[in-house]
Protein backbone atom coordinates (compact mmCIF):
# COMPACT_ATOMS: atom_id res chain seq x y z
CA UNK A 1 32.87 -24.29 77.68
CA UNK A 2 33.07 -20.66 76.47
CA UNK A 3 32.85 -18.01 79.24
CA UNK A 4 32.25 -14.20 78.40
CA UNK A 5 34.46 -12.09 80.57
CA UNK A 6 33.43 -8.08 81.28
CA UNK A 7 36.41 -6.72 79.13
CA UNK A 8 36.44 -8.98 76.43
CA UNK A 9 32.77 -9.38 75.49
CA UNK A 10 31.50 -11.25 72.52
CA UNK A 11 30.32 -8.62 69.70
CA UNK A 12 28.87 -9.37 66.35
CA UNK A 13 31.58 -9.89 63.79
CA UNK A 14 32.94 -6.92 61.99
CA UNK A 15 34.86 -7.23 59.01
CA UNK A 16 35.69 -5.84 55.28
CA UNK A 17 34.92 -2.36 54.57
CA UNK A 18 32.37 -1.91 57.38
CA UNK A 19 34.95 -2.35 59.91
CA UNK A 20 37.63 -0.23 58.18
CA UNK A 21 35.09 2.67 57.94
CA UNK A 22 34.32 2.27 61.62
CA UNK A 23 38.04 2.54 62.43
CA UNK A 24 41.18 0.53 63.32
CA UNK A 25 39.95 -0.15 67.07
CA UNK A 26 36.97 -1.95 65.37
CA UNK A 27 38.84 -4.13 63.02
CA UNK A 28 38.72 -8.00 63.37
CA UNK A 29 37.91 -11.17 61.58
CA UNK A 30 37.61 -15.01 62.53
CA UNK A 31 39.98 -17.13 60.75
CA UNK A 32 39.05 -20.78 61.10
CA UNK A 33 39.95 -23.83 59.23
CA UNK A 34 40.92 -22.22 55.82
CA UNK A 35 39.41 -22.37 52.42
CA UNK A 36 40.11 -23.49 48.94
CA UNK A 37 42.34 -20.56 48.44
CA UNK A 38 44.89 -22.28 50.42
CA UNK A 39 45.89 -25.14 48.01
CA UNK A 40 49.72 -25.32 47.71
CA UNK A 41 51.82 -23.02 45.62
CA UNK A 42 52.99 -25.94 43.87
CA UNK A 43 49.80 -26.87 42.50
CA UNK A 44 48.90 -23.39 42.02
CA UNK A 45 52.13 -22.70 39.88
CA UNK A 46 51.12 -25.56 37.38
CA UNK A 47 48.82 -22.98 35.87
CA UNK A 48 51.44 -20.63 35.00
CA UNK A 49 53.60 -20.02 31.99
CA UNK A 50 56.88 -18.68 33.19
CA UNK A 51 58.62 -16.83 30.19
CA UNK A 52 62.25 -16.75 30.31
CA UNK A 53 65.07 -15.32 28.20
CA UNK A 54 66.59 -17.97 25.88
CA UNK A 55 70.12 -16.51 26.23
CA UNK A 56 69.92 -18.16 29.80
CA UNK A 57 71.24 -21.31 28.20
CA UNK A 58 74.70 -20.08 28.09
CA UNK A 59 74.87 -20.63 32.15
CA UNK A 60 75.56 -23.86 33.63
CA UNK A 61 73.82 -23.36 37.29
CA UNK A 62 71.88 -20.88 39.23
CA UNK A 63 71.69 -20.84 42.79
CA UNK A 64 69.50 -18.20 44.71
CA UNK A 65 69.75 -17.80 48.60
CA UNK A 66 67.21 -15.68 50.83
CA UNK A 67 65.45 -16.02 54.13
CA UNK A 68 62.35 -17.85 52.21
CA UNK A 69 58.99 -17.58 54.19
CA UNK A 70 56.29 -15.96 51.99
CA UNK A 71 58.31 -15.12 49.13
CA UNK A 72 59.19 -18.59 48.70
CA UNK A 73 55.87 -19.63 47.44
CA UNK A 74 56.76 -17.20 44.61
CA UNK A 75 60.49 -17.55 44.13
CA UNK A 76 60.62 -21.70 44.65
CA UNK A 77 58.42 -22.39 41.66
CA UNK A 78 59.97 -19.87 39.40
CA UNK A 79 63.50 -21.37 39.88
CA UNK A 80 61.95 -24.66 39.42
CA UNK A 81 60.11 -23.85 36.20
CA UNK A 82 63.39 -22.20 35.08
CA UNK A 83 65.46 -25.73 35.88
CA UNK A 84 62.66 -27.49 33.93
CA UNK A 85 62.75 -25.13 30.69
CA UNK A 86 66.76 -25.46 30.72
CA UNK A 87 67.51 -28.98 32.17
CA UNK A 88 71.08 -28.48 31.43
CA UNK A 89 71.16 -25.94 34.07
CA UNK A 90 71.47 -27.06 37.73
CA UNK A 91 69.32 -24.89 39.82
CA UNK A 92 68.93 -24.52 43.47
CA UNK A 93 66.61 -22.62 45.83
CA UNK A 94 67.60 -22.00 49.39
CA UNK A 95 65.16 -20.21 51.54
CA UNK A 96 66.29 -21.67 54.73
CA UNK A 97 65.96 -18.64 56.88
CA UNK A 98 68.14 -15.39 57.95
CA UNK A 99 70.66 -17.34 60.12
CA UNK A 100 71.71 -19.42 56.99
CA UNK A 101 71.69 -16.28 55.00
CA UNK A 102 73.81 -14.39 57.53
CA UNK A 103 76.59 -16.97 57.82
CA UNK A 104 76.72 -18.57 54.02
CA UNK A 105 76.62 -15.37 52.09
CA UNK A 106 79.66 -13.75 53.69
CA UNK A 107 81.71 -16.80 53.66
CA UNK A 108 80.72 -17.29 50.15
CA UNK A 109 82.14 -13.97 49.32
CA UNK A 110 85.30 -14.60 50.99
CA UNK A 111 85.97 -17.84 49.44
CA UNK A 112 84.50 -16.84 45.95
CA UNK A 113 81.54 -19.38 46.43
CA UNK A 114 78.47 -17.07 47.13
CA UNK A 115 75.19 -17.72 45.57
CA UNK A 116 74.46 -16.15 42.09
CA UNK A 117 71.47 -14.34 43.74
CA UNK A 118 71.23 -13.55 47.57
CA UNK A 119 69.76 -11.34 50.04
CA UNK A 120 71.91 -9.32 51.65
CA UNK A 121 72.77 -10.52 55.35
CA UNK A 122 71.08 -8.68 58.14
CA UNK A 123 74.13 -6.87 59.29
CA UNK A 124 75.30 -5.74 55.95
CA UNK A 125 74.37 -2.18 54.68
CA UNK A 126 73.51 -2.35 50.67
CA UNK A 127 76.18 0.28 50.95
CA UNK A 128 78.85 -1.67 52.26
CA UNK A 129 77.86 -4.63 49.87
CA UNK A 130 78.51 -2.25 46.76
CA UNK A 131 81.46 -0.44 47.94
CA UNK A 132 83.39 -3.84 49.03
CA UNK A 133 82.31 -5.34 45.48
CA UNK A 134 80.04 -8.10 46.82
CA UNK A 135 77.42 -7.19 44.02
CA UNK A 136 77.11 -6.05 40.35
CA UNK A 137 74.41 -3.64 38.82
CA UNK A 138 71.90 -5.04 36.58
CA UNK A 139 71.91 -2.44 33.96
CA UNK A 140 74.17 -4.41 31.42
CA UNK A 141 73.17 -8.15 32.18
CA UNK A 142 69.22 -7.91 31.78
CA UNK A 143 68.46 -8.25 28.01
CA UNK A 144 66.28 -5.29 27.40
CA UNK A 145 67.05 -3.45 30.34
CA UNK A 146 65.61 -0.05 29.57
CA UNK A 147 62.32 -1.46 28.73
CA UNK A 148 62.15 -3.71 31.73
CA UNK A 149 63.06 -0.91 33.99
CA UNK A 150 60.41 1.28 32.63
CA UNK A 151 57.87 -1.19 33.63
CA UNK A 152 58.14 -0.09 37.46
CA UNK A 153 56.29 2.96 38.67
CA UNK A 154 58.83 6.14 38.74
CA UNK A 155 59.15 5.99 42.30
CA UNK A 156 59.78 2.17 42.62
CA UNK A 157 63.66 2.39 41.91
CA UNK A 158 64.98 4.62 44.33
CA UNK A 159 68.46 6.24 44.58
CA UNK A 160 70.11 4.90 47.60
CA UNK A 161 68.08 2.19 47.98
CA UNK A 162 68.20 0.33 44.49
CA UNK A 163 69.97 2.75 42.40
CA UNK A 164 73.71 3.72 43.40
CA UNK A 165 75.90 5.96 41.28
CA UNK A 166 73.28 5.71 38.55
CA UNK A 167 73.39 1.81 38.37
CA UNK A 168 70.62 -0.25 39.35
CA UNK A 169 71.95 -2.94 41.72
CA UNK A 170 68.56 -4.38 43.09
CA UNK A 171 64.66 -4.08 42.69
CA UNK A 172 61.53 -4.16 44.58
CA UNK A 173 60.13 -7.63 44.64
CA UNK A 174 56.90 -6.41 46.49
CA UNK A 175 55.56 -3.42 47.89
CA UNK A 176 56.41 -2.46 51.46
CA UNK A 177 52.83 -1.32 52.24
CA UNK A 178 52.14 -4.10 54.67
CA UNK A 179 51.79 -4.31 58.31
CA UNK A 180 55.14 -5.88 59.79
CA UNK A 181 53.21 -6.52 63.36
CA UNK A 182 49.68 -7.33 63.85
CA UNK A 183 47.93 -9.24 66.62
CA UNK A 184 47.15 -13.09 65.98
CA UNK A 185 45.05 -14.30 68.89
CA UNK A 186 44.55 -18.20 69.46
CA UNK A 187 40.95 -18.82 70.20
CA UNK A 188 42.19 -22.04 71.92
CA UNK A 189 44.26 -20.05 74.52
CA UNK A 190 41.72 -17.38 74.73
CA UNK A 191 39.14 -20.07 75.44
CA UNK A 192 41.19 -21.81 77.89
CA UNK A 193 41.28 -18.22 79.88
CA UNK A 194 37.58 -17.89 79.63
CA UNK A 195 37.56 -15.44 77.14
CA UNK A 196 34.86 -15.64 74.30
CA UNK A 197 36.05 -15.82 70.71
CA UNK A 198 36.58 -14.42 68.25
CA UNK A 199 38.47 -11.85 70.41
CA UNK A 200 37.39 -8.55 68.92
CA UNK A 201 37.69 -5.73 71.73
CA UNK A 202 41.75 -5.39 72.11
CA UNK A 203 41.76 -2.03 71.08
CA UNK A 204 43.67 -0.31 73.78
CA UNK A 205 47.26 -1.26 75.45
CA UNK A 206 45.41 -2.08 78.65
CA UNK A 207 43.19 -4.50 76.98
CA UNK A 208 46.26 -6.07 75.48
CA UNK A 209 48.04 -6.34 78.65
CA UNK A 210 45.02 -7.58 80.66
CA UNK A 211 44.11 -10.39 78.11
CA UNK A 212 48.10 -11.26 77.97
CA UNK A 213 47.83 -11.61 81.62
CA UNK A 214 44.54 -13.78 81.88
CA UNK A 215 46.06 -16.24 79.23
CA UNK A 216 49.22 -16.52 81.16
CA UNK A 217 47.36 -17.40 84.44
CA UNK A 218 45.62 -19.93 82.51
CA UNK A 219 48.77 -21.81 81.68
CA UNK A 220 49.93 -20.40 78.28
CA UNK A 221 52.34 -17.83 78.03
CA UNK A 222 50.38 -14.46 76.88
CA UNK A 223 52.79 -12.90 74.32
CA UNK A 224 54.78 -14.24 71.67
CA UNK A 225 57.41 -11.88 69.89
CA UNK A 226 61.07 -12.77 69.32
CA UNK A 227 64.36 -10.60 69.27
CA UNK A 228 64.06 -10.59 65.18
CA UNK A 229 61.00 -8.23 65.31
CA UNK A 230 60.76 -6.93 69.20
CA UNK A 231 62.23 -3.45 67.92
CA UNK A 232 59.59 -3.06 65.12
CA UNK A 233 56.89 -4.27 67.68
CA UNK A 234 58.12 -1.17 69.90
CA UNK A 235 58.40 1.20 67.09
CA UNK A 236 54.91 0.33 65.57
CA UNK A 237 53.24 0.50 69.17
CA UNK A 238 55.10 3.87 69.09
CA UNK A 239 53.21 4.76 66.20
CA UNK A 240 49.88 3.98 67.55
CA UNK A 241 50.95 6.67 70.29
CA UNK A 242 51.64 9.43 67.81
CA UNK A 243 55.48 8.60 67.33
CA UNK A 244 56.89 10.14 63.78
CA UNK A 245 59.34 7.88 63.27
CA UNK A 246 59.66 5.98 59.95
CA UNK A 247 61.21 2.52 59.76
CA UNK A 248 64.38 3.84 60.35
CA UNK A 249 63.78 5.96 63.14
CA UNK A 250 63.75 9.44 61.49
CA UNK A 251 61.24 11.92 61.88
CA UNK A 252 61.10 13.26 58.26
CA UNK A 253 59.89 16.70 59.32
CA UNK A 254 62.84 17.43 61.18
CA UNK A 255 65.25 15.16 59.32
CA UNK A 256 66.37 13.86 62.67
CA UNK A 257 66.48 10.48 64.53
CA UNK A 258 63.95 10.08 67.24
CA UNK A 259 64.22 6.68 69.06
CA UNK A 260 64.39 8.88 72.34
CA UNK A 261 61.02 10.41 71.61
CA UNK A 262 58.36 10.39 74.86
CA UNK A 263 56.13 8.07 72.38
CA UNK A 264 58.82 5.55 71.85
CA UNK A 265 59.97 5.56 75.44
CA UNK A 266 56.03 5.08 76.47
CA UNK A 267 55.73 2.30 73.83
CA UNK A 268 59.10 0.37 75.22
CA UNK A 269 57.88 0.73 78.83
CA UNK A 270 54.57 -0.81 77.98
CA UNK A 271 56.50 -3.62 76.23
CA UNK A 272 58.49 -3.98 79.49
CA UNK A 273 55.51 -3.86 81.56
CA UNK A 274 54.23 -7.11 80.11
CA UNK A 275 57.51 -8.71 80.38
CA UNK A 276 57.51 -7.88 83.97
CA UNK A 277 53.91 -9.39 84.30
CA UNK A 278 55.42 -12.68 82.92
CA UNK A 279 53.35 -12.60 80.10
CA UNK A 280 56.13 -13.17 77.46
CA UNK A 281 57.39 -16.40 76.31
CA UNK A 282 60.31 -17.47 78.17
CA UNK A 283 63.59 -17.13 76.26
CA UNK A 284 62.06 -14.72 73.99
CA UNK A 285 65.04 -12.91 73.09
CA UNK A 286 66.86 -16.06 71.91
CA UNK A 287 63.76 -17.97 70.08
CA UNK A 288 64.12 -17.70 66.46
CA UNK A 289 61.35 -16.69 64.36
CA UNK A 290 60.99 -19.66 62.39
CA UNK A 291 60.61 -21.69 65.39
CA UNK A 292 57.97 -19.33 67.11
CA UNK A 293 55.98 -19.33 63.70
CA UNK A 294 55.73 -23.05 63.82
CA UNK A 295 55.13 -23.68 67.58
CA UNK A 296 52.50 -20.72 67.83
CA UNK A 297 49.44 -22.78 66.73
CA UNK A 298 50.39 -25.71 68.81
CA UNK A 299 50.29 -23.47 72.15
CA UNK A 300 53.60 -21.61 72.25
CA UNK A 301 51.55 -18.52 73.45
CA UNK A 302 48.19 -17.05 73.22
CA UNK A 303 48.98 -13.81 71.15
CA UNK A 304 51.80 -13.66 68.60
CA UNK A 305 53.07 -10.14 67.40
CA UNK A 306 54.15 -10.89 64.00
CA UNK A 307 53.60 -10.16 60.16
CA UNK A 308 51.18 -11.79 57.88
CA UNK A 309 54.07 -14.26 56.20
CA UNK A 310 53.23 -16.73 59.32
CA UNK A 311 49.34 -16.93 57.72
CA UNK A 312 50.49 -19.21 54.79
CA UNK A 313 52.64 -21.71 56.97
CA UNK A 314 50.08 -22.10 59.39
CA UNK A 315 47.27 -22.88 56.74
CA UNK A 316 49.50 -25.43 55.55
CA UNK A 317 50.78 -27.03 58.66
CA UNK A 318 47.86 -26.24 61.22
CA UNK A 319 44.69 -26.15 59.11
CA UNK A 320 42.44 -26.29 61.84
CA UNK A 321 44.21 -23.81 63.87
CA UNK A 322 41.63 -20.88 64.60
CA UNK A 323 42.69 -17.38 65.28
CA UNK A 324 41.54 -13.68 65.17
CA UNK A 325 43.55 -11.08 63.50
CA UNK A 326 43.78 -7.51 64.76
CA UNK A 327 45.94 -4.40 64.19
CA UNK A 328 47.87 -3.25 66.90
CA UNK A 329 46.00 -1.46 70.05
CA UNK A 330 46.84 2.25 70.90
CA UNK A 331 47.04 3.73 74.16
CA UNK A 332 43.47 4.99 74.26
CA UNK A 333 41.96 2.99 71.37
CA UNK A 334 41.85 5.70 69.09
CA UNK A 335 42.70 5.59 65.39
CA UNK A 336 46.37 6.04 64.10
CA UNK A 337 48.60 5.92 61.28
CA UNK A 338 52.00 4.13 60.51
CA UNK A 339 54.63 6.08 58.27
CA UNK A 340 56.18 3.95 56.06
CA UNK A 341 59.04 4.02 53.26
CA UNK A 342 57.74 2.57 50.01
CA UNK A 343 61.17 1.26 48.97
CA UNK A 344 59.89 -2.37 48.14
CA UNK A 345 60.69 -5.31 50.00
CA UNK A 346 62.52 -8.54 49.47
CA UNK A 347 65.42 -7.22 47.50
CA UNK A 348 67.84 -9.46 45.78
CA UNK A 349 71.41 -8.87 44.50
CA UNK A 350 73.38 -10.32 41.88
CA UNK A 351 76.93 -11.71 43.26
CA UNK A 352 79.84 -9.73 41.70
CA UNK A 353 81.86 -13.00 40.38
CA UNK A 354 78.80 -15.00 39.44
CA UNK A 355 79.61 -17.44 36.67
CA UNK A 356 76.28 -17.87 35.67
CA UNK A 357 74.95 -14.24 34.92
CA UNK A 358 72.66 -15.17 32.08
CA UNK A 359 70.49 -17.49 34.15
CA UNK A 360 70.27 -14.88 37.14
CA UNK A 361 69.55 -12.14 34.77
CA UNK A 362 66.79 -14.34 33.06
CA UNK A 363 65.06 -15.15 36.22
CA UNK A 364 65.33 -11.72 37.66
CA UNK A 365 64.05 -10.15 34.30
CA UNK A 366 60.79 -12.41 34.50
CA UNK A 367 60.32 -11.80 38.12
CA UNK A 368 60.32 -7.94 37.78
CA UNK A 369 58.00 -8.25 34.81
CA UNK A 370 54.15 -7.42 34.67
CA UNK A 371 53.65 -11.08 33.79
CA UNK A 372 56.06 -11.84 37.05
CA UNK A 373 54.58 -9.57 39.45
CA UNK A 374 50.98 -10.87 38.49
CA UNK A 375 52.37 -14.56 39.28
CA UNK A 376 53.79 -13.20 42.53
CA UNK A 377 50.52 -11.73 43.56
CA UNK A 378 48.77 -15.03 43.02
CA UNK A 379 51.27 -17.27 44.08
CA UNK A 380 51.32 -15.78 47.39
CA UNK A 381 47.51 -15.44 47.61
CA UNK A 382 47.71 -11.65 47.76
CA UNK A 383 49.99 -11.65 50.79
CA UNK A 384 52.38 -9.82 48.49
CA UNK A 385 51.34 -7.04 46.57
CA UNK A 386 53.33 -5.44 43.70
CA UNK A 387 54.74 -1.93 43.52
CA UNK A 388 53.38 -2.17 39.66
CA UNK A 389 49.48 -1.54 40.17
CA UNK A 390 48.52 -3.54 36.94
CA UNK A 391 49.92 -6.44 38.41
CA UNK A 392 47.73 -6.21 41.41
CA UNK A 393 44.30 -5.21 39.69
CA UNK A 394 44.80 -8.09 37.00
CA UNK A 395 45.58 -10.83 39.60
CA UNK A 396 43.16 -13.51 39.52
CA UNK A 397 41.15 -12.97 42.68
CA UNK A 398 40.05 -16.81 42.93
CA UNK A 399 43.61 -17.23 43.78
CA UNK A 400 43.52 -14.69 46.74
CA UNK A 401 43.48 -15.84 50.31
CA UNK A 402 40.50 -13.83 52.47
CA UNK A 403 42.93 -13.27 55.16
CA UNK A 404 45.61 -11.61 52.73
CA UNK A 405 42.43 -9.39 51.99
CA UNK A 406 42.17 -8.55 55.56
CA UNK A 407 45.72 -7.79 56.24
CA UNK A 408 45.88 -5.73 52.95
CA UNK A 409 42.79 -3.73 54.17
CA UNK A 410 44.36 -3.21 57.56
CA UNK A 411 47.45 -1.91 55.88
CA UNK A 412 45.89 0.38 53.56
CA UNK A 413 43.71 1.65 56.73
CA UNK A 414 46.49 2.40 58.79
CA UNK A 415 49.96 2.84 56.67
CA UNK A 416 50.85 6.28 54.87
CA UNK A 417 53.80 6.74 52.67
CA UNK A 418 56.22 9.29 54.20
CA UNK A 419 58.67 11.42 52.30
CA UNK A 420 61.90 10.02 51.36
CA UNK A 421 65.46 11.70 50.80
CA UNK A 422 66.02 9.14 48.07
CA UNK A 423 63.44 10.23 46.18
CA UNK A 424 64.05 13.94 46.47
CA UNK A 425 67.77 13.93 45.40
CA UNK A 426 69.19 12.15 42.56
CA UNK A 427 72.31 12.03 44.50
CA UNK A 428 71.09 10.33 47.33
CA UNK A 429 72.88 7.15 46.61
CA UNK A 430 76.31 9.05 47.17
CA UNK A 431 75.18 9.92 50.81
CA UNK A 432 74.13 6.57 51.45
CA UNK A 433 77.25 4.91 50.06
CA UNK A 434 79.30 6.96 52.65
CA UNK A 435 77.07 6.24 55.35
CA UNK A 436 78.70 4.08 58.49
CA UNK A 437 76.79 1.65 60.40
CA UNK A 438 76.51 2.30 64.20
CA UNK A 439 76.84 -0.21 66.85
CA UNK A 440 74.69 -0.87 68.75
CA UNK A 441 71.82 -0.08 66.60
CA UNK A 442 68.17 0.09 67.66
CA UNK A 443 67.86 -3.90 67.87
CA UNK A 444 71.11 -4.11 70.24
CA UNK A 445 70.05 -1.27 72.39
CA UNK A 446 66.60 -2.72 72.75
CA UNK A 447 68.09 -5.78 73.99
CA UNK A 448 70.27 -4.41 76.17
CA UNK A 449 67.63 -2.46 77.65
CA UNK A 450 65.23 -5.41 78.22
CA UNK A 451 68.10 -7.60 79.52
CA UNK A 452 69.09 -4.98 81.97
CA UNK A 453 72.49 -4.46 80.59
CA UNK A 454 71.75 -0.83 80.00
CA UNK A 455 70.18 0.64 82.85
CA UNK A 456 68.98 4.13 81.48
CA UNK A 457 66.64 3.51 78.61
CA UNK A 458 66.33 7.29 77.78
CA UNK A 459 70.09 7.91 77.68
CA UNK A 460 70.80 4.99 75.63
CA UNK A 461 68.25 5.79 72.92
CA UNK A 462 69.46 9.70 73.20
CA UNK A 463 72.80 8.53 72.65
CA UNK A 464 71.69 6.29 69.72
CA UNK A 465 70.07 9.19 68.19
CA UNK A 466 73.17 11.19 68.29
CA UNK A 467 75.28 8.78 66.85
CA UNK A 468 72.92 8.16 64.12
CA UNK A 469 72.65 11.87 63.40
CA UNK A 470 76.31 12.28 63.42
CA UNK A 471 76.82 9.56 61.10
CA UNK A 472 74.24 10.69 58.55
CA UNK A 473 76.25 14.32 58.83
CA UNK A 474 79.52 12.71 58.17
CA UNK A 475 77.84 10.93 55.22
CA UNK A 476 76.69 14.40 53.50
CA UNK A 477 79.93 15.86 54.11
CA UNK A 478 81.71 13.11 52.37
CA UNK A 479 79.07 12.87 49.59
CA UNK A 480 79.66 16.69 48.99
CA UNK A 481 83.42 16.54 48.88
CA UNK A 482 83.09 13.67 46.33
CA UNK A 483 80.83 16.40 44.18
CA UNK A 484 77.38 15.30 44.78
CA UNK A 485 74.90 18.24 45.07
CA UNK A 486 73.25 17.34 48.54
CA UNK A 487 72.42 19.16 51.57
CA UNK A 488 71.52 17.90 54.97
CA UNK A 489 68.64 20.21 54.91
CA UNK A 490 66.79 17.82 52.00
CA UNK A 491 66.23 15.32 55.25
CA UNK A 492 63.73 17.77 56.39
CA UNK A 493 59.96 17.91 54.88
CA UNK A 494 58.15 20.38 56.66
CA UNK A 495 55.05 19.99 54.73
CA UNK A 496 54.74 16.46 55.40
CA UNK A 497 51.08 15.26 56.79
CA UNK A 498 51.41 12.06 58.48
CA UNK A 499 47.57 11.57 57.90
CA UNK A 500 47.98 10.78 54.35
CA UNK A 501 50.55 9.74 51.66
CA UNK A 502 53.38 11.96 50.75
CA UNK A 503 52.80 12.26 46.87
CA UNK A 504 54.77 13.69 43.87
CA UNK A 505 52.78 16.80 44.39
CA UNK A 506 54.09 17.08 47.79
CA UNK A 507 57.49 16.88 46.55
CA UNK A 508 57.14 19.43 43.89
CA UNK A 509 55.43 21.73 46.15
CA UNK A 510 58.53 21.59 48.49
CA UNK A 511 60.98 22.27 45.71
CA UNK A 512 58.95 25.08 44.22
């Protein structure tokens, strides 16, 4: 029996463009038992023709390792098809999670047996991997490299992100304009708490806290968020309160890190309040993201704060799982924007000592082509969008998932590209190569605060800001000493309007 409560009342379903026009606080969709768009990636991949470079036959094997998740829907069939086209080449795709990447890749580097292509471990910056000789550039290994590179938009291959010292070391598999954190509200858990579904009116922080408490009181933990993403949850909540920090914590107007800003502290206090309520899943700091994703539909919690990569697995493993997707609430239910760095996501890197460069290059070349990017959009049901707009616009719409359309629309409504020093300066890569990581970083600092090991949150975050700023200053000094034409003032973009995308015209205006 469904009971309507005063706060979470049932309203007519709002979806698509009408909801977006009404503002983020009104966006919702009921997601039920799925649709034909959820057929397996393996079945869909049979209709694709993967065109690989014939020179790949000179290799004997190809091993590829990353964290899996949504990108496996693209990478796995591509690697499988490559093995079928070149049966003498032994292929292996390992997408078994970040724990494996974090352990296997460094060990493989030490003993000379790293995968031919891999994702960087989470604690290894690109600059470190390059300076320590883990990886090699793609310029001289991809056949027709200049033409392949020209297929990307001008801002897709970025100095200090993909390009270092004039060489391309990696490339953006997909666009970063996607919400890392949204609300996924289980209908079963909400109804057990006496709340009508679809739950559409969680638009304020108080709404979220109240719903989490009601679900918890009914016997199911209200909130699921793991240590893998908790700092991102807090950062995105801070953005809903007006924080101007980007995904790295820097305010691009001032060029300074601002984790100690009032809005970030406010978001941190809000999360702590829900933890103090007892609404978080017990053991949330040690719970692994893959385990959380797998257990959420079976009742681990009532509300998951995570990204769209969960949806495909739920559709496959729990086709009858019903839930509502909502954007994050803001303090007062008002609209907001989230600044993001369009650096591309899911970068892969070529092992410096790979003996199978031809095979790796052939697969990378296909994946980064228009045909490969179109296949990526379709194989991931639209949950991944390409930085190549033609790949998005030419994708077969019948292969796309309506849930992917929803989360893409939510991202388009709230996310705005912020300025990037890497686009402004062709010598940004030299700065990045000299940038040293600080320890603890934001993730470790947040964990210390939430566990009580750090008693003064504002002091700890102010200290982190100071350490990050100091590391950046040293990196600029070192880059200048090496002859790079950079100045730390280039981190400042006083003409940035966070309510809209920062464009090439804005960069030109700033320099003019």
